[in-house]
Structures are given as C-alpha cells and as structure tokens.
Amino acid sequence: MTTDAPVGIVGLGLMGMALSARLIDAKIPLVGFVDPVRCGMFKASGGMVANSVRELAGRCRTIIVAVYSGEQVEALFDEIDDGAGAVRPVVICTTTCGPGEIIRIAVRASGAGLPLVEAPISGTSTEVLDGTATALLAGDDGVIDHAGGLLNILCPRSLRVGVIGDASRAKLAINLILQNNRAALAEGIAFAERMGLDGYAFLAAARQSAAYSRVMDSKGEKMLTRDYRPQSHIAQTLKDAELIIEEAGRCGMHLPLTTIQAELLRATIALEGPDRDSAAVIEAIRRRSALPEVLR
C-alpha cells in the first residue's frame, strides 16, 4: 500500500453516493464496491470500481461503510479482514446500527486489528451533499484524530459523543425526535388543508411560529407538492423506527408516539412503496382509509 492509496467506500445507495460525491469533489481518489446498476454512474462521477470487498480492502487505507443495516456491516468484516494487508485500514461506519450491533462489530474489528470509528450521520443525502448534515463520532480519540481530515470532508459538522455504542444511542434518540416531528408536520399540513387553508401560506406561518423545526424546511414543500423523490428511503426510516422501539424495549420503555409513527410508516409503504421519500408519510394521513384500524 502506498501513501497515496485511495479511500474505499462500500455501499452506494443515496447516502453512499452523497458521501462519494463529497470525496470526489475534494479530489480524493476513491474506490467503491458497487452493484452493477450503479457502476456506470459511479465511474462517470470519477470513482474507481473494485470487483469485491476483499480487493477494495487491499487497495485502501481507509474504508467507509455506508450499507443499509448493522447486519450487513457485520457480514463485511470477514472480507475486509481477508483483503487487508499488513497496514490495517481504518473503518468508518456511517450505517445506523443498534448499540448492541455496533459493539459486536467493534469487538470483531478489534480482533482483526481494524481501527473503527462509529460515525452515523444525522441528515439526509441532500444535507450530506450540501455539508449541513452532522456526523456523530464515537471511538478511540486517536483513531478519530487520525481520520479527522477525511471526516471533515465527509461531514464538516461533527460531534464526539463518547465510546463505541454512544453514537448509535444518540442517533436513535435524535431520529425518534426527527421522525415524530416529521409525522407532526404531516398531520398539521393535512389538518390545515382539510380546514380550507392554503398549504403554502400555512407552511410559511408555521415556519415563523413557536412550532418551527428544520423538518419544515426539508420536507414541508415536498409534502405540499407530493414530491416523493427520495432524499432518504421511507423503508430506511421504518428500519430505524423499529431499531428505536427494539432498543426502548431493552430499556423497559414503551414509546407511544414512535409506536404510532411506525404504523404510519408501514401504512405509507403499503400506499407508496418502500423507496419513496419519508415525506410521503403525509399520504397515510390524507387517505384515512389506508390507515390501520388502530389509527383511524
């Protein structure tokens, strides 16, 4: 491995492609392991394509993991371990995992001599692209410092939140608030529309009110125009909601708002499909007949 070894990225969905774009814009040589559908797009953007995770691990000094789930992250480590050379690459995990999952991953990484940074990202792929997303960083301070220049390119905004597992805990709690804010905005817009208010005028008023939250800026107009092109897939939103509920169960908590919100997400997926934007949750409220009986 040379000093100008490229950075690797595994997982090129919406978030992975946004992270890749930031690296390519910064002139960082980038190798991706990408499915055939996205291969041409990734090459056209300036990335190089590896034929396997093992090959990628052998070429790169830092590997960013941006796959769908913690289970998928765990499945990658044998291939990274097998492919890595004597100089073990730093692994930056941006996937939202359950705390137990990322702790198991950290144990596995430590056993393989692979330094790990836990770095789930709070924000959509669009917010990653424009530099307004926030990375929640956990792990060994020395490893985080070593990867600091790259982390700053990926997410200029970041917070150190503690030991491995704490970033996932913080991300789940943040997502709980965010998802319920989004559902409340959807219900408020649908309510205003049903009362005969102009949706755009209502959204403008809400932005100036005590109820303001950033979700009004990112999702309000999408809800009004029914523009559900994904900035994040609603199936991913539901996956995170289920992680939140599962972790709450481990803590002996019941989360009534999040439990109802998860049902709204399931109803929305039944209406719109799993790959629409999370703003589509408003459709489950607009179309009452689509709601589960418990929510009517």
Protein backbone atom coordinates (compact mmCIF):
# COMPACT_ATOMS: atom_id res chain seq x y z
CA MET A 1 0.00 0.00 0.00
CA THR A 2 1.40 3.39 -0.99
CA THR A 3 0.99 6.71 0.74
CA ASP A 4 -1.40 7.81 -1.99
CA ALA A 5 -3.65 4.77 -1.56
CA PRO A 6 -7.28 5.62 -2.34
CA VAL A 7 -10.16 5.73 0.10
CA GLY A 8 -12.65 2.89 -0.19
CA ILE A 9 -16.43 3.00 0.17
CA VAL A 10 -18.79 0.06 0.50
CA GLY A 11 -22.47 0.76 -0.02
CA LEU A 12 -23.51 3.18 -2.72
CA GLY A 13 -27.14 3.95 -2.05
CA LEU A 14 -28.37 7.50 -1.53
CA MET A 15 -26.08 8.17 1.43
CA GLY A 16 -23.08 6.36 -0.03
CA MET A 17 -23.34 8.25 -3.31
CA ALA A 18 -23.61 11.57 -1.43
CA LEU A 19 -20.52 10.77 0.64
CA SER A 20 -18.71 9.69 -2.53
CA ALA A 21 -19.58 12.96 -4.25
CA ARG A 22 -18.03 14.96 -1.40
CA LEU A 23 -14.81 12.94 -1.62
CA ILE A 24 -14.61 13.15 -5.40
CA ASP A 25 -15.25 16.91 -5.28
CA ALA A 26 -12.33 17.15 -2.84
CA LYS A 27 -10.10 15.26 -5.34
CA ILE A 28 -9.75 12.24 -3.03
CA PRO A 29 -9.01 9.05 -5.04
CA LEU A 30 -11.97 6.76 -4.38
CA VAL A 31 -12.60 3.06 -4.90
CA GLY A 32 -16.13 1.75 -4.48
CA PHE A 33 -17.70 -1.66 -4.28
CA VAL A 34 -20.86 -1.03 -6.19
CA ASP A 35 -23.72 -3.06 -7.64
CA PRO A 36 -23.83 -3.25 -11.46
CA VAL A 37 -26.80 -0.84 -11.67
CA ARG A 38 -24.77 1.99 -10.13
CA CYS A 39 -21.41 1.02 -11.60
CA GLY A 40 -21.62 3.33 -14.62
CA MET A 41 -22.87 6.26 -12.54
CA PHE A 42 -20.05 5.84 -10.02
CA LYS A 43 -17.37 5.62 -12.75
CA ALA A 44 -18.83 8.63 -14.55
CA SER A 45 -18.59 10.66 -11.34
CA GLY A 46 -14.87 9.92 -11.06
CA GLY A 47 -14.75 6.82 -8.85
CA MET A 48 -12.90 3.58 -9.46
CA VAL A 49 -14.72 0.27 -9.07
CA ALA A 50 -13.48 -2.77 -7.13
CA ASN A 51 -14.67 -6.25 -8.05
CA SER A 52 -15.01 -7.30 -4.41
CA VAL A 53 -14.74 -6.02 -0.86
CA ARG A 54 -11.53 -8.05 -0.49
CA GLU A 55 -9.97 -6.23 -3.44
CA LEU A 56 -11.09 -2.86 -2.07
CA ALA A 57 -9.62 -3.66 1.37
CA GLY A 58 -6.28 -4.49 -0.20
CA ARG A 59 -6.10 -1.16 -2.01
CA CYS A 60 -7.32 1.31 0.61
CA ARG A 61 -6.00 2.75 3.88
CA THR A 62 -9.47 3.94 4.96
CA ILE A 63 -12.80 2.24 4.26
CA ILE A 64 -16.16 3.98 4.66
CA VAL A 65 -19.10 1.64 5.25
CA ALA A 66 -22.50 3.04 4.23
CA VAL A 67 -24.72 -0.03 3.91
CA TYR A 68 -28.35 -0.50 4.92
CA SER A 69 -28.11 -2.29 8.28
CA GLY A 70 -25.86 -3.40 11.10
CA GLU A 71 -26.31 -6.98 9.96
CA GLN A 72 -24.79 -6.06 6.60
CA VAL A 73 -21.88 -4.28 8.32
CA GLU A 74 -21.12 -7.39 10.36
CA ALA A 75 -21.15 -9.53 7.22
CA LEU A 76 -18.47 -7.34 5.61
CA PHE A 77 -15.76 -7.81 8.21
CA ASP A 78 -14.51 -11.23 7.12
CA GLU A 79 -13.96 -9.88 3.61
CA ILE A 80 -12.26 -6.70 4.87
CA ASP A 81 -10.06 -8.77 7.19
CA ASP A 82 -9.15 -11.24 4.43
CA GLY A 83 -8.35 -8.50 1.90
CA ALA A 84 -6.45 -6.07 4.11
CA GLY A 85 -2.67 -6.14 4.09
CA ALA A 86 -0.16 -5.63 6.88
CA VAL A 87 -1.22 -1.98 7.24
CA ARG A 88 -4.76 -2.36 8.54
CA PRO A 89 -7.25 0.16 7.16
CA VAL A 90 -9.33 2.41 9.39
CA VAL A 91 -13.02 1.56 9.05
CA ILE A 92 -15.52 4.44 9.34
CA CYS A 93 -19.02 3.03 9.86
CA THR A 94 -21.74 5.52 8.88
CA THR A 95 -24.55 2.95 8.98
CA THR A 96 -27.20 3.45 11.67
CA CYS A 97 -26.89 0.36 13.85
CA GLY A 98 -28.39 -0.77 17.09
CA PRO A 99 -25.99 -0.16 20.01
CA GLY A 100 -25.56 -3.90 20.54
CA GLU A 101 -24.77 -4.39 16.86
CA ILE A 102 -22.05 -1.75 16.71
CA ILE A 103 -20.48 -3.03 19.93
CA ARG A 104 -20.28 -6.55 18.42
CA ILE A 105 -18.82 -5.01 15.27
CA ALA A 106 -16.22 -3.14 17.35
CA VAL A 107 -15.17 -6.36 19.12
CA ARG A 108 -14.81 -8.07 15.77
CA ALA A 109 -12.86 -5.13 14.31
CA SER A 110 -10.52 -5.08 17.33
CA GLY A 111 -9.86 -8.80 16.98
CA ALA A 112 -8.93 -8.26 13.34
CA GLY A 113 -6.72 -5.26 14.12
CA LEU A 114 -9.01 -2.91 12.19
CA PRO A 115 -9.35 0.55 13.84
CA LEU A 116 -13.02 1.56 13.91
CA VAL A 117 -14.76 4.92 14.01
CA GLU A 118 -18.51 4.87 14.69
CA ALA A 119 -19.93 7.73 12.61
CA PRO A 120 -23.68 7.57 11.93
CA ILE A 121 -24.91 10.68 10.15
CA SER A 122 -27.84 12.84 11.20
CA GLY A 123 -29.25 14.27 7.97
CA THR A 124 -30.49 13.29 4.54
CA SER A 125 -28.37 12.57 1.48
CA THR A 126 -29.17 16.11 0.27
CA GLU A 127 -27.90 17.55 3.55
CA VAL A 128 -24.72 15.47 3.24
CA LEU A 129 -24.16 16.89 -0.24
CA ASP A 130 -24.54 20.49 0.90
CA GLY A 131 -22.47 19.99 4.06
CA THR A 132 -25.22 20.58 6.62
CA ALA A 133 -25.51 17.01 7.96
CA THR A 134 -23.85 16.12 11.26
CA ALA A 135 -21.66 13.08 11.95
CA LEU A 136 -21.91 11.62 15.44
CA LEU A 137 -18.45 10.27 16.25
CA ALA A 138 -17.53 7.63 18.81
CA GLY A 139 -14.49 5.50 19.46
CA ASP A 140 -10.84 5.94 20.30
CA ASP A 141 -9.86 9.62 20.16
CA GLY A 142 -6.56 8.78 18.49
CA VAL A 143 -8.29 6.91 15.67
CA ILE A 144 -10.81 9.73 15.23
CA ASP A 145 -7.99 12.28 15.14
CA HIS A 146 -6.11 10.17 12.57
CA ALA A 147 -9.20 10.14 10.31
CA GLY A 148 -10.10 13.75 11.12
CA GLY A 149 -9.20 15.29 7.76
CA LEU A 150 -11.32 12.77 5.88
CA LEU A 151 -14.19 13.01 8.36
CA ASN A 152 -14.21 16.79 7.91
CA ILE A 153 -14.61 16.36 4.15
CA LEU A 154 -17.44 13.87 4.61
CA CYS A 155 -19.25 15.97 7.22
CA PRO A 156 -17.90 19.42 8.11
CA ARG A 157 -20.24 19.31 11.11
CA SER A 158 -19.48 16.63 13.69
CA LEU A 159 -19.82 15.88 17.39
CA ARG A 160 -17.82 13.49 19.55
CA VAL A 161 -20.30 11.65 21.74
CA GLY A 162 -18.27 9.05 23.64
CA VAL A 163 -17.34 5.39 23.36
CA ILE A 164 -18.44 2.93 20.68
CA GLY A 165 -22.19 2.47 21.01
CA ASP A 166 -22.86 6.00 22.22
CA ALA A 167 -23.11 7.38 18.66
CA SER A 168 -25.77 4.80 17.81
CA ARG A 169 -27.64 5.57 21.03
CA ALA A 170 -27.55 9.30 20.26
CA LYS A 171 -28.57 8.73 16.63
CA LEU A 172 -31.58 6.63 17.61
CA ALA A 173 -32.76 9.22 20.16
CA ILE A 174 -32.29 12.02 17.60
CA ASN A 175 -34.16 10.01 14.98
CA LEU A 176 -37.01 9.47 17.43
CA ILE A 177 -37.48 13.25 17.70
CA LEU A 178 -36.96 13.82 13.97
CA GLN A 179 -39.42 11.15 12.86
CA ASN A 180 -42.11 12.35 15.24
CA ASN A 181 -41.52 15.96 14.14
CA ARG A 182 -41.98 14.84 10.54
CA ALA A 183 -45.20 12.99 11.34
CA ALA A 184 -46.50 16.00 13.31
CA LEU A 185 -45.73 18.30 10.37
CA ALA A 186 -47.54 15.95 8.00
CA GLU A 187 -50.58 15.85 10.28
CA GLY A 188 -50.52 19.64 10.71
CA ILE A 189 -50.36 20.27 6.94
CA ALA A 190 -53.13 17.73 6.27
CA PHE A 191 -55.25 19.33 9.02
CA ALA A 192 -54.68 22.84 7.62
CA GLU A 193 -55.59 21.67 4.11
CA ARG A 194 -58.76 19.97 5.36
CA MET A 195 -59.81 23.18 7.14
CA GLY A 196 -59.50 25.04 3.84
CA LEU A 197 -56.22 26.87 4.45
CA ASP A 198 -53.74 27.39 1.64
CA GLY A 199 -50.95 24.90 2.30
CA TYR A 200 -48.12 27.21 1.28
CA ALA A 201 -49.43 30.08 3.37
CA PHE A 202 -49.85 27.75 6.34
CA LEU A 203 -46.31 26.40 5.99
CA ALA A 204 -44.93 29.96 5.85
CA ALA A 205 -46.84 30.81 9.04
CA ALA A 206 -45.68 27.63 10.78
CA ARG A 207 -42.06 28.47 9.97
CA GLN A 208 -42.48 31.76 11.84
CA SER A 209 -44.24 30.18 14.80
CA ALA A 210 -43.21 28.53 18.04
CA ALA A 211 -43.78 25.17 16.32
CA TYR A 212 -40.86 25.69 13.91
CA SER A 213 -38.44 22.84 13.26
CA ARG A 214 -35.94 22.25 10.45
CA VAL A 215 -38.12 19.46 9.08
CA MET A 216 -40.42 22.22 7.77
CA ASP A 217 -37.57 23.37 5.53
CA SER A 218 -36.54 19.92 4.33
CA LYS A 219 -39.94 18.21 3.99
CA GLY A 220 -42.70 20.84 4.02
CA GLU A 221 -42.68 21.70 0.33
CA LYS A 222 -42.23 18.05 -0.63
CA MET A 223 -45.40 17.24 1.31
CA LEU A 224 -47.32 20.09 -0.34
CA THR A 225 -46.24 19.19 -3.88
CA ARG A 226 -46.34 15.42 -3.34
CA ASP A 227 -42.70 15.29 -4.47
CA TYR A 228 -41.58 11.97 -3.00
CA ARG A 229 -38.35 11.55 -4.92
CA PRO A 230 -36.12 10.17 -2.18
CA GLN A 231 -33.62 12.10 -0.15
CA SER A 232 -33.88 9.11 2.18
CA HIS A 233 -35.97 6.00 1.59
CA ILE A 234 -39.01 5.51 3.77
CA ALA A 235 -38.08 1.83 4.24
CA GLN A 236 -34.88 3.04 5.92
CA THR A 237 -36.95 5.36 8.13
CA LEU A 238 -39.08 2.41 9.22
CA LYS A 239 -35.97 0.29 9.83
CA ASP A 240 -34.65 2.98 12.18
CA ALA A 241 -38.05 3.31 13.91
CA GLU A 242 -38.03 -0.42 14.55
CA LEU A 243 -34.48 -0.18 15.95
CA ILE A 244 -35.67 2.61 18.27
CA ILE A 245 -38.64 0.57 19.52
CA GLU A 246 -36.47 -2.53 19.97
CA GLU A 247 -33.86 -0.61 21.98
CA ALA A 248 -36.58 1.01 24.09
CA GLY A 249 -37.88 -2.46 24.89
CA ARG A 250 -34.43 -3.43 26.14
CA CYS A 251 -34.55 -0.38 28.42
CA GLY A 252 -38.01 -1.31 29.71
CA MET A 253 -39.68 1.65 27.97
CA HIS A 254 -42.82 1.99 25.88
CA LEU A 255 -42.71 4.76 23.25
CA PRO A 256 -46.34 5.53 22.38
CA LEU A 257 -45.69 8.26 19.79
CA THR A 258 -42.98 6.31 17.99
CA THR A 259 -45.09 3.14 18.00
CA ILE A 260 -47.94 5.01 16.28
CA GLN A 261 -45.49 6.72 13.92
CA ALA A 262 -44.09 3.32 12.88
CA GLU A 263 -47.63 2.22 11.97
CA LEU A 264 -47.96 5.36 9.83
CA LEU A 265 -44.74 4.43 8.05
CA ARG A 266 -45.99 0.90 7.37
CA ALA A 267 -49.25 2.29 6.00
CA THR A 268 -47.31 4.72 3.80
CA ILE A 269 -45.12 1.95 2.40
CA ALA A 270 -48.25 -0.03 1.56
CA LEU A 271 -49.53 3.02 -0.37
CA GLU A 272 -46.39 4.40 -1.95
CA GLY A 273 -43.79 1.64 -1.85
CA PRO A 274 -40.54 1.38 0.14
CA ASP A 275 -38.34 3.65 -1.99
CA ARG A 276 -40.26 6.91 -1.70
CA ASP A 277 -39.10 9.79 0.46
CA SER A 278 -40.07 9.88 4.12
CA ALA A 279 -42.20 12.98 3.36
CA ALA A 280 -44.71 10.56 1.84
CA VAL A 281 -45.92 9.79 5.38
CA ILE A 282 -48.48 12.57 4.82
CA GLU A 283 -50.31 10.32 2.35
CA ALA A 284 -51.24 7.86 5.09
CA ILE A 285 -52.87 10.79 6.93
CA ARG A 286 -54.54 12.34 3.88
CA ARG A 287 -56.02 8.97 2.92
CA ARG A 288 -57.63 7.82 6.12
CA SER A 289 -58.90 4.59 4.56
CA ALA A 290 -55.26 3.49 4.19
CA LEU A 291 -54.63 3.66 7.93
CA PRO A 292 -54.64 0.57 10.15
CA GLU A 293 -57.85 0.35 12.21
CA VAL A 294 -55.99 1.32 15.39
CA LEU A 295 -55.06 4.71 13.86
CA ARG A 296 -58.48 5.68 12.42
